[in-house]
Amino acid sequence: MTTTHPDLLVSDPPSANAALVRAVLRRAASARHDPVPQRRITYERAAETFGAAPADAETVPAGAASGTWIRPPAAGRPVLLYLHGGFYCIGSARTHRHLAGRLADLAGAACLVLDYRRAPEHPFPAAVTDALAAVETVRAAAPDAPIVIAGDSAGAGLAVSVATRLRDDGARPPDLLVLFSPWADLTCSFGSHRELAAADPVLDTEDLLAMAARYAGGADRRRPELSPVLGDLAGLPPVLVQVGGQEVLLDDALTLVEGVRGAGGRAVLHHWPHMFHVWQWYHPILPEGARALHDAGEVIRAATAV
């Protein structure tokens, strides 16, 4: 990651579409009380508004899970593994293929979007196991290519957990981590949970804690495999973090960046003070989402250039 991609503080006034999306998210907040199966259906129906899967999308096994390959026409040397968000309980390759596909297109990369097994049916460590298997799937498909692991929310936290596991196992690390609004502390103990609760139109800390309990399945949520920001962040690959200033996970992101830097690693922060959780997901209708993905694509291209 080069100095041509420094930290960014994007404090432009929010667009008119940002206000509209925020209003829709506020109205949808009641869905937090729905059971997990219904929330999965609602999420997938919302994603359908952004289009069907590419005609050449290919589903392949990845250990006990599966993934969907998206190969943009201009895909070059890097390969992207995308880990979707959704509290480790909802979300899928289908809900995130529009986001992962656009990031892959901007990065000039082929992309495997992983359908890791979800809680509560498959609690920790199933998602970590599946993501590690997906790394092997990606490497087998492109043995000499630079590998980027990207994700949003829970998927971003999972990306860090996978990178630390590869480090601890002495395995080849990814070349870059790209993290959108990472959920990296499943104890939800940072101050932004209190300070930004009223501002966040997407996340509720009590809901996060309930989902964290489903995923942990009785394991201590302070374990670094579950809350990687609370563990050893030394020896990780370069990291790009994008976070909104109106989300309760703001401190997860800031603490992660500070921790990587404090351990001698390289981390770039793109902070959007007026944005909400994973605004990149709305990129087809949200200018701020489109720009954030463009910036991330530029960082990936620079980090994986020959």
C-alpha atoms as a PDB file:
ATOM      1  CA  MET A   1       0.000   0.000   0.000  1.00  0.00           C
ATOM      2  CA  THR A   2       1.655   3.194  -1.150  1.00  0.00           C
ATOM      3  CA  THR A   3       1.687   6.713   0.218  1.00  0.00           C
ATOM      4  CA  THR A   4      -0.369   7.777  -2.806  1.00  0.00           C
ATOM      5  CA  HIS A   5      -3.375   6.417  -0.888  1.00  0.00           C
ATOM      6  CA  PRO A   6      -3.284   8.201   2.484  1.00  0.00           C
ATOM      7  CA  ASP A   7      -5.964   8.491   5.121  1.00  0.00           C
ATOM      8  CA  LEU A   8      -9.090  10.318   3.972  1.00  0.00           C
ATOM      9  CA  LEU A   9     -11.566  12.414   5.912  1.00  0.00           C
ATOM     10  CA  VAL A  10     -14.528  12.823   3.565  1.00  0.00           C
ATOM     11  CA  SER A  11     -16.613  15.515   5.221  1.00  0.00           C
ATOM     12  CA  ASP A  12     -18.593  16.630   2.149  1.00  0.00           C
ATOM     13  CA  PRO A  13     -22.266  17.353   2.908  1.00  0.00           C
ATOM     14  CA  PRO A  14     -24.395  14.239   2.404  1.00  0.00           C
ATOM     15  CA  SER A  15     -26.256  13.899  -0.870  1.00  0.00           C
ATOM     16  CA  ALA A  16     -30.032  14.049  -1.191  1.00  0.00           C
ATOM     17  CA  ASN A  17     -30.053  10.306  -1.788  1.00  0.00           C
ATOM     18  CA  ALA A  18     -28.200   9.772   1.499  1.00  0.00           C
ATOM     19  CA  ALA A  19     -31.067  11.412   3.349  1.00  0.00           C
ATOM     20  CA  LEU A  20     -33.564   9.204   1.526  1.00  0.00           C
ATOM     21  CA  VAL A  21     -31.645   6.012   2.297  1.00  0.00           C
ATOM     22  CA  ARG A  22     -31.302   7.034   5.943  1.00  0.00           C
ATOM     23  CA  ALA A  23     -35.069   7.599   6.174  1.00  0.00           C
ATOM     24  CA  VAL A  24     -35.762   4.157   4.705  1.00  0.00           C
ATOM     25  CA  LEU A  25     -33.348   2.564   7.167  1.00  0.00           C
ATOM     26  CA  ARG A  26     -35.059   4.294  10.084  1.00  0.00           C
ATOM     27  CA  ARG A  27     -38.436   2.944   8.972  1.00  0.00           C
ATOM     28  CA  ALA A  28     -37.003  -0.554   8.605  1.00  0.00           C
ATOM     29  CA  ALA A  29     -35.592  -0.622  12.139  1.00  0.00           C
ATOM     30  CA  SER A  30     -38.596  -2.565  13.444  1.00  0.00           C
ATOM     31  CA  ALA A  31     -37.360  -5.610  11.503  1.00  0.00           C
ATOM     32  CA  ARG A  32     -34.713  -6.067  14.217  1.00  0.00           C
ATOM     33  CA  HIS A  33     -37.433  -7.851  16.229  1.00  0.00           C
ATOM     34  CA  ASP A  34     -38.179 -10.390  13.500  1.00  0.00           C
ATOM     35  CA  PRO A  35     -36.836 -13.955  13.890  1.00  0.00           C
ATOM     36  CA  VAL A  36     -33.590 -14.739  12.087  1.00  0.00           C
ATOM     37  CA  PRO A  37     -35.218 -16.733   9.232  1.00  0.00           C
ATOM     38  CA  GLN A  38     -37.508 -13.813   8.398  1.00  0.00           C
ATOM     39  CA  ARG A  39     -34.614 -11.341   8.556  1.00  0.00           C
ATOM     40  CA  ARG A  40     -32.729 -13.478   6.044  1.00  0.00           C
ATOM     41  CA  ILE A  41     -35.653 -13.342   3.627  1.00  0.00           C
ATOM     42  CA  THR A  42     -36.090  -9.596   4.064  1.00  0.00           C
ATOM     43  CA  TYR A  43     -32.384  -8.982   3.397  1.00  0.00           C
ATOM     44  CA  GLU A  44     -32.408 -11.038   0.216  1.00  0.00           C
ATOM     45  CA  ARG A  45     -35.525  -9.320  -1.076  1.00  0.00           C
ATOM     46  CA  ALA A  46     -33.927  -5.925  -0.466  1.00  0.00           C
ATOM     47  CA  ALA A  47     -30.833  -6.981  -2.402  1.00  0.00           C
ATOM     48  CA  GLU A  48     -32.936  -8.095  -5.370  1.00  0.00           C
ATOM     49  CA  THR A  49     -33.617  -4.434  -6.169  1.00  0.00           C
ATOM     50  CA  PHE A  50     -29.964  -4.133  -7.188  1.00  0.00           C
ATOM     51  CA  GLY A  51     -30.145  -6.777  -9.915  1.00  0.00           C
ATOM     52  CA  ALA A  52     -29.687 -10.446 -10.617  1.00  0.00           C
ATOM     53  CA  ALA A  53     -26.452 -12.400 -10.522  1.00  0.00           C
ATOM     54  CA  PRO A  54     -24.137 -11.961 -13.525  1.00  0.00           C
ATOM     55  CA  ALA A  55     -24.874 -14.470 -16.268  1.00  0.00           C
ATOM     56  CA  ASP A  56     -21.424 -16.025 -15.923  1.00  0.00           C
ATOM     57  CA  ALA A  57     -21.506 -16.349 -12.108  1.00  0.00           C
ATOM     58  CA  GLU A  58     -20.344 -19.810 -11.047  1.00  0.00           C
ATOM     59  CA  THR A  59     -21.058 -21.546  -7.742  1.00  0.00           C
ATOM     60  CA  VAL A  60     -18.254 -23.770  -6.442  1.00  0.00           C
ATOM     61  CA  PRO A  61     -17.613 -25.717  -3.214  1.00  0.00           C
ATOM     62  CA  ALA A  62     -15.357 -24.190  -0.568  1.00  0.00           C
ATOM     63  CA  GLY A  63     -14.820 -26.748   2.150  1.00  0.00           C
ATOM     64  CA  ALA A  64     -18.168 -27.360   3.862  1.00  0.00           C
ATOM     65  CA  ALA A  65     -19.546 -24.154   2.338  1.00  0.00           C
ATOM     66  CA  SER A  66     -19.795 -22.746  -1.177  1.00  0.00           C
ATOM     67  CA  GLY A  67     -18.961 -19.562  -3.005  1.00  0.00           C
ATOM     68  CA  THR A  68     -19.909 -17.684  -6.142  1.00  0.00           C
ATOM     69  CA  TRP A  69     -17.246 -16.637  -8.622  1.00  0.00           C
ATOM     70  CA  ILE A  70     -17.748 -13.272 -10.293  1.00  0.00           C
ATOM     71  CA  ARG A  71     -15.319 -12.531 -13.096  1.00  0.00           C
ATOM     72  CA  PRO A  72     -15.597  -9.013 -14.555  1.00  0.00           C
ATOM     73  CA  PRO A  73     -14.568  -8.707 -18.212  1.00  0.00           C
ATOM     74  CA  ALA A  74     -11.505  -6.677 -17.279  1.00  0.00           C
ATOM     75  CA  ALA A  75     -10.417  -8.969 -14.446  1.00  0.00           C
ATOM     76  CA  GLY A  76      -6.658  -8.981 -14.233  1.00  0.00           C
ATOM     77  CA  ARG A  77      -4.129 -10.416 -11.846  1.00  0.00           C
ATOM     78  CA  PRO A  78      -5.501  -9.911  -8.310  1.00  0.00           C
ATOM     79  CA  VAL A  79      -8.132 -12.213  -6.850  1.00  0.00           C
ATOM     80  CA  LEU A  80     -10.646 -11.037  -4.264  1.00  0.00           C
ATOM     81  CA  LEU A  81     -12.277 -13.126  -1.550  1.00  0.00           C
ATOM     82  CA  TYR A  82     -15.377 -11.324  -0.274  1.00  0.00           C
ATOM     83  CA  LEU A  83     -16.920 -12.126   3.134  1.00  0.00           C
ATOM     84  CA  HIS A  84     -20.426 -10.745   3.514  1.00  0.00           C
ATOM     85  CA  GLY A  85     -21.879  -9.017   6.554  1.00  0.00           C
ATOM     86  CA  GLY A  86     -25.060  -9.791   8.429  1.00  0.00           C
ATOM     87  CA  PHE A  87     -24.184 -10.415  12.097  1.00  0.00           C
ATOM     88  CA  TYR A  88     -22.815 -13.899  11.165  1.00  0.00           C
ATOM     89  CA  CYS A  89     -26.505 -14.899  11.080  1.00  0.00           C
ATOM     90  CA  ILE A  90     -28.092 -13.328   7.978  1.00  0.00           C
ATOM     91  CA  GLY A  91     -26.755 -12.221   4.593  1.00  0.00           C
ATOM     92  CA  SER A  92     -25.356 -14.387   1.817  1.00  0.00           C
ATOM     93  CA  ALA A  93     -23.518 -14.275  -1.483  1.00  0.00           C
ATOM     94  CA  ARG A  94     -26.845 -13.248  -3.011  1.00  0.00           C
ATOM     95  CA  THR A  95     -27.256 -10.209  -0.750  1.00  0.00           C
ATOM     96  CA  HIS A  96     -23.730  -9.000  -1.468  1.00  0.00           C
ATOM     97  CA  ARG A  97     -22.902  -9.975  -5.032  1.00  0.00           C
ATOM     98  CA  HIS A  98     -23.744  -6.457  -6.281  1.00  0.00           C
ATOM     99  CA  LEU A  99     -21.304  -4.966  -3.763  1.00  0.00           C
ATOM    100  CA  ALA A 100     -18.556  -7.547  -4.224  1.00  0.00           C
ATOM    101  CA  GLY A 101     -18.969  -7.524  -8.000  1.00  0.00           C
ATOM    102  CA  ARG A 102     -18.636  -3.760  -8.245  1.00  0.00           C
ATOM    103  CA  LEU A 103     -15.566  -3.752  -5.992  1.00  0.00           C
ATOM    104  CA  ALA A 104     -14.035  -6.517  -8.124  1.00  0.00           C
ATOM    105  CA  ASP A 105     -14.740  -4.569 -11.295  1.00  0.00           C
ATOM    106  CA  LEU A 106     -13.115  -1.415  -9.909  1.00  0.00           C
ATOM    107  CA  ALA A 107     -10.130  -3.407  -8.649  1.00  0.00           C
ATOM    108  CA  GLY A 108      -9.683  -5.343 -11.890  1.00  0.00           C
ATOM    109  CA  ALA A 109     -10.078  -8.606  -9.985  1.00  0.00           C
ATOM    110  CA  ALA A 110     -11.914 -11.887 -10.136  1.00  0.00           C
ATOM    111  CA  CYS A 111     -13.944 -12.390  -6.958  1.00  0.00           C
ATOM    112  CA  LEU A 112     -15.187 -15.321  -4.908  1.00  0.00           C
ATOM    113  CA  VAL A 113     -18.139 -14.318  -2.700  1.00  0.00           C
ATOM    114  CA  LEU A 114     -18.315 -16.847   0.114  1.00  0.00           C
ATOM    115  CA  ASP A 115     -21.543 -18.322   1.478  1.00  0.00           C
ATOM    116  CA  TYR A 116     -20.077 -19.283   4.840  1.00  0.00           C
ATOM    117  CA  ARG A 117     -22.239 -21.276   7.228  1.00  0.00           C
ATOM    118  CA  ARG A 118     -24.285 -19.031   9.485  1.00  0.00           C
ATOM    119  CA  ALA A 119     -25.323 -19.014  13.122  1.00  0.00           C
ATOM    120  CA  PRO A 120     -27.283 -20.080  15.043  1.00  0.00           C
ATOM    121  CA  GLU A 121     -27.387 -23.337  13.051  1.00  0.00           C
ATOM    122  CA  HIS A 122     -23.599 -23.227  12.646  1.00  0.00           C
ATOM    123  CA  PRO A 123     -21.961 -21.194  15.434  1.00  0.00           C
ATOM    124  CA  PHE A 124     -18.291 -20.303  15.810  1.00  0.00           C
ATOM    125  CA  PRO A 125     -15.879 -21.529  14.516  1.00  0.00           C
ATOM    126  CA  ALA A 126     -17.819 -22.578  11.379  1.00  0.00           C
ATOM    127  CA  ALA A 127     -17.470 -19.209   9.619  1.00  0.00           C
ATOM    128  CA  VAL A 128     -13.720 -19.079  10.301  1.00  0.00           C
ATOM    129  CA  THR A 129     -13.279 -22.651   9.080  1.00  0.00           C
ATOM    130  CA  ASP A 130     -15.220 -21.891   5.907  1.00  0.00           C
ATOM    131  CA  ALA A 131     -13.300 -18.695   5.215  1.00  0.00           C
ATOM    132  CA  LEU A 132      -9.980 -20.494   5.612  1.00  0.00           C
ATOM    133  CA  ALA A 133     -11.177 -23.142   3.152  1.00  0.00           C
ATOM    134  CA  ALA A 134     -12.174 -20.353   0.762  1.00  0.00           C
ATOM    135  CA  VAL A 135      -8.661 -18.937   0.913  1.00  0.00           C
ATOM    136  CA  GLU A 136      -7.421 -22.320  -0.280  1.00  0.00           C
ATOM    137  CA  THR A 137     -10.062 -22.359  -3.034  1.00  0.00           C
ATOM    138  CA  VAL A 138      -8.910 -18.947  -4.242  1.00  0.00           C
ATOM    139  CA  ARG A 139      -5.247 -19.921  -4.117  1.00  0.00           C
ATOM    140  CA  ALA A 140      -5.913 -23.112  -6.054  1.00  0.00           C
ATOM    141  CA  ALA A 141      -7.706 -21.116  -8.747  1.00  0.00           C
ATOM    142  CA  ALA A 142      -4.897 -18.548  -9.063  1.00  0.00           C
ATOM    143  CA  PRO A 143      -1.730 -19.844  -7.359  1.00  0.00           C
ATOM    144  CA  ASP A 144       0.487 -16.901  -8.286  1.00  0.00           C
ATOM    145  CA  ALA A 145      -2.039 -14.075  -7.993  1.00  0.00           C
ATOM    146  CA  PRO A 146      -2.134 -11.447  -5.249  1.00  0.00           C
ATOM    147  CA  ILE A 147      -4.979 -12.224  -2.852  1.00  0.00           C
ATOM    148  CA  VAL A 148      -7.202  -9.588  -1.233  1.00  0.00           C
ATOM    149  CA  ILE A 149      -9.680 -10.469   1.506  1.00  0.00           C
ATOM    150  CA  ALA A 150     -12.511  -7.956   1.785  1.00  0.00           C
ATOM    151  CA  GLY A 151     -15.672  -7.826   3.824  1.00  0.00           C
ATOM    152  CA  ASP A 152     -18.234  -5.654   5.512  1.00  0.00           C
ATOM    153  CA  SER A 153     -19.437  -5.570   9.108  1.00  0.00           C
ATOM    154  CA  ALA A 154     -19.257  -9.131  10.472  1.00  0.00           C
ATOM    155  CA  GLY A 155     -17.518 -10.177   7.263  1.00  0.00           C
ATOM    156  CA  ALA A 156     -14.848  -7.553   7.864  1.00  0.00           C
ATOM    157  CA  GLY A 157     -14.274  -8.841  11.382  1.00  0.00           C
ATOM    158  CA  LEU A 158     -14.112 -12.357   9.963  1.00  0.00           C
ATOM    159  CA  ALA A 159     -11.481 -11.199   7.464  1.00  0.00           C
ATOM    160  CA  VAL A 160      -9.258 -10.020  10.324  1.00  0.00           C
ATOM    161  CA  SER A 161      -9.804 -13.266  12.226  1.00  0.00           C
ATOM    162  CA  VAL A 162      -8.797 -15.264   9.148  1.00  0.00           C
ATOM    163  CA  ALA A 163      -5.694 -13.141   8.585  1.00  0.00           C
ATOM    164  CA  THR A 164      -4.575 -13.630  12.187  1.00  0.00           C
ATOM    165  CA  ARG A 165      -5.200 -17.376  11.913  1.00  0.00           C
ATOM    166  CA  LEU A 166      -3.081 -17.572   8.751  1.00  0.00           C
ATOM    167  CA  ARG A 167      -0.361 -15.616  10.554  1.00  0.00           C
ATOM    168  CA  ASP A 168      -0.455 -17.934  13.562  1.00  0.00           C
ATOM    169  CA  ASP A 169      -0.337 -21.012  11.315  1.00  0.00           C
ATOM    170  CA  GLY A 170       2.666 -19.670   9.406  1.00  0.00           C
ATOM    171  CA  ALA A 171       0.661 -19.705   6.175  1.00  0.00           C
ATOM    172  CA  ARG A 172       1.007 -17.282   3.293  1.00  0.00           C
ATOM    173  CA  PRO A 173      -0.891 -14.110   4.189  1.00  0.00           C
ATOM    174  CA  PRO A 174      -3.223 -12.172   1.912  1.00  0.00           C
ATOM    175  CA  ASP A 175      -1.701  -9.136   0.252  1.00  0.00           C
ATOM    176  CA  LEU A 176      -4.341  -6.740   1.587  1.00  0.00           C
ATOM    177  CA  LEU A 177      -7.419  -6.578   3.818  1.00  0.00           C
ATOM    178  CA  VAL A 178     -10.270  -4.266   2.780  1.00  0.00           C
ATOM    179  CA  LEU A 179     -12.700  -3.700   5.623  1.00  0.00           C
ATOM    180  CA  PHE A 180     -16.003  -1.824   5.388  1.00  0.00           C
ATOM    181  CA  SER A 181     -17.459  -0.842   8.799  1.00  0.00           C
ATOM    182  CA  PRO A 182     -15.764  -3.738  10.603  1.00  0.00           C
ATOM    183  CA  TRP A 183     -17.492  -5.413  13.540  1.00  0.00           C
ATOM    184  CA  ALA A 184     -14.320  -6.428  15.328  1.00  0.00           C
ATOM    185  CA  ASP A 185     -15.427  -6.439  18.990  1.00  0.00           C
ATOM    186  CA  LEU A 186     -18.316  -8.800  19.720  1.00  0.00           C
ATOM    187  CA  THR A 187     -18.453  -7.571  23.328  1.00  0.00           C
ATOM    188  CA  CYS A 188     -19.684  -4.213  21.973  1.00  0.00           C
ATOM    189  CA  SER A 189     -17.798  -2.431  24.746  1.00  0.00           C
ATOM    190  CA  PHE A 190     -16.395   0.648  22.986  1.00  0.00           C
ATOM    191  CA  GLY A 191     -17.729   4.113  23.716  1.00  0.00           C
ATOM    192  CA  SER A 192     -19.269   4.725  20.301  1.00  0.00           C
ATOM    193  CA  HIS A 193     -22.014   2.229  21.178  1.00  0.00           C
ATOM    194  CA  ARG A 194     -23.274   4.780  23.683  1.00  0.00           C
ATOM    195  CA  GLU A 195     -22.193   8.004  22.006  1.00  0.00           C
ATOM    196  CA  LEU A 196     -23.632   7.242  18.545  1.00  0.00           C
ATOM    197  CA  ALA A 197     -26.667   5.138  19.458  1.00  0.00           C
ATOM    198  CA  ALA A 198     -29.114   7.878  18.540  1.00  0.00           C
ATOM    199  CA  ALA A 199     -27.327   8.739  15.286  1.00  0.00           C
ATOM    200  CA  ASP A 200     -27.071   5.198  13.886  1.00  0.00           C
ATOM    201  CA  PRO A 201     -30.048   4.340  11.627  1.00  0.00           C
ATOM    202  CA  VAL A 202     -28.882   0.766  11.010  1.00  0.00           C
ATOM    203  CA  LEU A 203     -27.447  -0.875  14.115  1.00  0.00           C
ATOM    204  CA  ASP A 204     -28.687  -1.326  17.665  1.00  0.00           C
ATOM    205  CA  THR A 205     -26.243  -2.510  20.316  1.00  0.00           C
ATOM    206  CA  GLU A 206     -28.720  -4.839  22.021  1.00  0.00           C
ATOM    207  CA  ASP A 207     -29.429  -6.482  18.668  1.00  0.00           C
ATOM    208  CA  LEU A 208     -25.697  -6.802  17.998  1.00  0.00           C
ATOM    209  CA  LEU A 209     -25.181  -8.476  21.373  1.00  0.00           C
ATOM    210  CA  ALA A 210     -28.020 -10.923  20.723  1.00  0.00           C
ATOM    211  CA  MET A 211     -26.547 -11.852  17.347  1.00  0.00           C
ATOM    212  CA  ALA A 212     -23.065 -12.119  18.863  1.00  0.00           C
ATOM    213  CA  ALA A 213     -24.404 -14.607  21.406  1.00  0.00           C
ATOM    214  CA  ARG A 214     -25.909 -16.702  18.608  1.00  0.00           C
ATOM    215  CA  TYR A 215     -22.602 -16.765  16.761  1.00  0.00           C
ATOM    216  CA  ALA A 216     -20.382 -17.354  19.802  1.00  0.00           C
ATOM    217  CA  GLY A 217     -22.468 -20.354  20.837  1.00  0.00           C
ATOM    218  CA  GLY A 218     -21.211 -20.225  24.415  1.00  0.00           C
ATOM    219  CA  ALA A 219     -17.608 -19.268  23.615  1.00  0.00           C
ATOM    220  CA  ASP A 220     -16.093 -16.239  25.357  1.00  0.00           C
ATOM    221  CA  ARG A 221     -16.743 -13.289  23.035  1.00  0.00           C
ATOM    222  CA  ARG A 222     -13.486 -11.704  24.230  1.00  0.00           C
ATOM    223  CA  ARG A 223     -11.494 -14.410  22.458  1.00  0.00           C
ATOM    224  CA  PRO A 224      -9.410 -12.875  19.655  1.00  0.00           C
ATOM    225  CA  GLU A 225     -10.902 -15.347  17.160  1.00  0.00           C
ATOM    226  CA  LEU A 226     -14.282 -13.732  17.863  1.00  0.00           C
ATOM    227  CA  SER A 227     -13.197 -10.166  18.633  1.00  0.00           C
ATOM    228  CA  PRO A 228      -9.930  -9.742  16.712  1.00  0.00           C
ATOM    229  CA  VAL A 229      -9.454  -6.103  17.707  1.00  0.00           C
ATOM    230  CA  LEU A 230      -8.941  -7.332  21.291  1.00  0.00           C
ATOM    231  CA  GLY A 231      -6.095  -9.636  20.223  1.00  0.00           C
ATOM    232  CA  ASP A 232      -2.601  -9.395  18.778  1.00  0.00           C
ATOM    233  CA  LEU A 233      -2.621  -7.303  15.597  1.00  0.00           C
ATOM    234  CA  ALA A 234       1.080  -7.660  14.806  1.00  0.00           C
ATOM    235  CA  GLY A 235       2.171  -9.264  11.572  1.00  0.00           C
ATOM    236  CA  LEU A 236      -0.998  -8.579   9.599  1.00  0.00           C
ATOM    237  CA  PRO A 237      -0.998  -7.589   5.926  1.00  0.00           C
ATOM    238  CA  PRO A 238      -1.737  -3.969   4.971  1.00  0.00           C
ATOM    239  CA  VAL A 239      -5.259  -2.898   5.886  1.00  0.00           C
ATOM    240  CA  LEU A 240      -7.744  -0.452   4.380  1.00  0.00           C
ATOM    241  CA  VAL A 241     -10.642   0.502   6.656  1.00  0.00           C
ATOM    242  CA  GLN A 242     -13.664   2.532   5.565  1.00  0.00           C
ATOM    243  CA  VAL A 243     -16.069   3.628   8.297  1.00  0.00           C
ATOM    244  CA  GLY A 244     -18.923   6.080   8.742  1.00  0.00           C
ATOM    245  CA  GLY A 245     -19.050   8.619  11.520  1.00  0.00           C
ATOM    246  CA  GLN A 246     -22.721   7.821  12.219  1.00  0.00           C
ATOM    247  CA  GLU A 247     -22.379   4.195  13.255  1.00  0.00           C
ATOM    248  CA  VAL A 248     -21.968   2.551  16.636  1.00  0.00           C
ATOM    249  CA  LEU A 249     -19.044   0.526  15.265  1.00  0.00           C
ATOM    250  CA  LEU A 250     -16.934   3.639  14.684  1.00  0.00           C
ATOM    251  CA  ASP A 251     -14.620   2.792  17.581  1.00  0.00           C
ATOM    252  CA  ASP A 252     -14.182  -0.774  16.327  1.00  0.00           C
ATOM    253  CA  ALA A 253     -12.720   0.674  13.141  1.00  0.00           C
ATOM    254  CA  LEU A 254     -10.601   3.371  14.765  1.00  0.00           C
ATOM    255  CA  THR A 255      -9.218   0.996  17.393  1.00  0.00           C
ATOM    256  CA  LEU A 256      -8.386  -1.567  14.720  1.00  0.00           C
ATOM    257  CA  VAL A 257      -6.446   0.993  12.660  1.00  0.00           C
ATOM    258  CA  GLU A 258      -4.600   2.253  15.736  1.00  0.00           C
ATOM    259  CA  GLY A 259      -3.841  -1.307  16.824  1.00  0.00           C
ATOM    260  CA  VAL A 260      -2.389  -2.350  13.471  1.00  0.00           C
ATOM    261  CA  ARG A 261      -0.239   0.774  13.347  1.00  0.00           C
ATOM    262  CA  GLY A 262       0.835   0.382  16.947  1.00  0.00           C
ATOM    263  CA  ALA A 263       1.968  -3.173  16.196  1.00  0.00           C
ATOM    264  CA  GLY A 264       4.143  -1.947  13.331  1.00  0.00           C
ATOM    265  CA  GLY A 265       1.733  -2.667  10.489  1.00  0.00           C
ATOM    266  CA  ARG A 266       0.286  -0.495   7.740  1.00  0.00           C
ATOM    267  CA  ALA A 267      -3.293   0.720   7.877  1.00  0.00           C
ATOM    268  CA  VAL A 268      -5.174   3.337   5.875  1.00  0.00           C
ATOM    269  CA  LEU A 269      -8.377   4.894   7.218  1.00  0.00           C
ATOM    270  CA  HIS A 270     -11.144   6.384   5.074  1.00  0.00           C
ATOM    271  CA  HIS A 271     -13.468   8.136   7.523  1.00  0.00           C
ATOM    272  CA  TRP A 272     -16.799   9.483   6.242  1.00  0.00           C
ATOM    273  CA  PRO A 273     -18.278  11.502   9.153  1.00  0.00           C
ATOM    274  CA  HIS A 274     -21.776  11.807   7.648  1.00  0.00           C
ATOM    275  CA  MET A 275     -22.190   8.178   6.594  1.00  0.00           C
ATOM    276  CA  PHE A 276     -23.919   5.214   8.214  1.00  0.00           C
ATOM    277  CA  HIS A 277     -23.057   1.523   8.500  1.00  0.00           C
ATOM    278  CA  VAL A 278     -21.878  -0.128   5.235  1.00  0.00           C
ATOM    279  CA  TRP A 279     -23.149   2.671   3.025  1.00  0.00           C
ATOM    280  CA  GLN A 280     -21.188   1.032   0.184  1.00  0.00           C
ATOM    281  CA  TRP A 281     -23.991  -1.570  -0.034  1.00  0.00           C
ATOM    282  CA  TYR A 282     -26.252   1.138  -1.505  1.00  0.00           C
ATOM    283  CA  HIS A 283     -23.809   2.174  -4.220  1.00  0.00           C
ATOM    284  CA  PRO A 284     -26.279   1.763  -7.121  1.00  0.00           C
ATOM    285  CA  ILE A 285     -28.349   4.638  -5.692  1.00  0.00           C
ATOM    286  CA  LEU A 286     -25.935   6.367  -3.314  1.00  0.00           C
ATOM    287  CA  PRO A 287     -23.130   8.573  -4.721  1.00  0.00           C
ATOM    288  CA  GLU A 288     -21.145   8.253  -1.507  1.00  0.00           C
ATOM    289  CA  GLY A 289     -21.219   4.470  -1.814  1.00  0.00           C
ATOM    290  CA  ALA A 290     -20.020   4.614  -5.406  1.00  0.00           C
ATOM    291  CA  ARG A 291     -17.148   6.924  -4.495  1.00  0.00           C
ATOM    292  CA  ALA A 292     -16.087   4.841  -1.494  1.00  0.00           C
ATOM    293  CA  LEU A 293     -15.910   1.720  -3.661  1.00  0.00           C
ATOM    294  CA  HIS A 294     -13.934   3.641  -6.292  1.00  0.00           C
ATOM    295  CA  ASP A 295     -11.428   4.676  -3.613  1.00  0.00           C
ATOM    296  CA  ALA A 296     -11.172   1.086  -2.357  1.00  0.00           C
ATOM    297  CA  GLY A 297     -10.630  -0.178  -5.889  1.00  0.00           C
ATOM    298  CA  GLU A 298      -7.769   2.268  -6.355  1.00  0.00           C
ATOM    299  CA  VAL A 299      -6.108   1.059  -3.155  1.00  0.00           C
ATOM    300  CA  ILE A 300      -6.450  -2.572  -4.249  1.00  0.00           C
ATOM    301  CA  ARG A 301      -4.933  -1.821  -7.643  1.00  0.00           C
ATOM    302  CA  ALA A 302      -1.971  -0.037  -6.065  1.00  0.00           C
ATOM    303  CA  ALA A 303      -1.402  -2.734  -3.445  1.00  0.00           C
ATOM    304  CA  THR A 304      -1.480  -5.595  -5.975  1.00  0.00           C
ATOM    305  CA  ALA A 305       0.393  -3.942  -8.849  1.00  0.00           C
ATOM    306  CA  VAL A 306       3.313  -5.923 -10.250  1.00  0.00           C
END
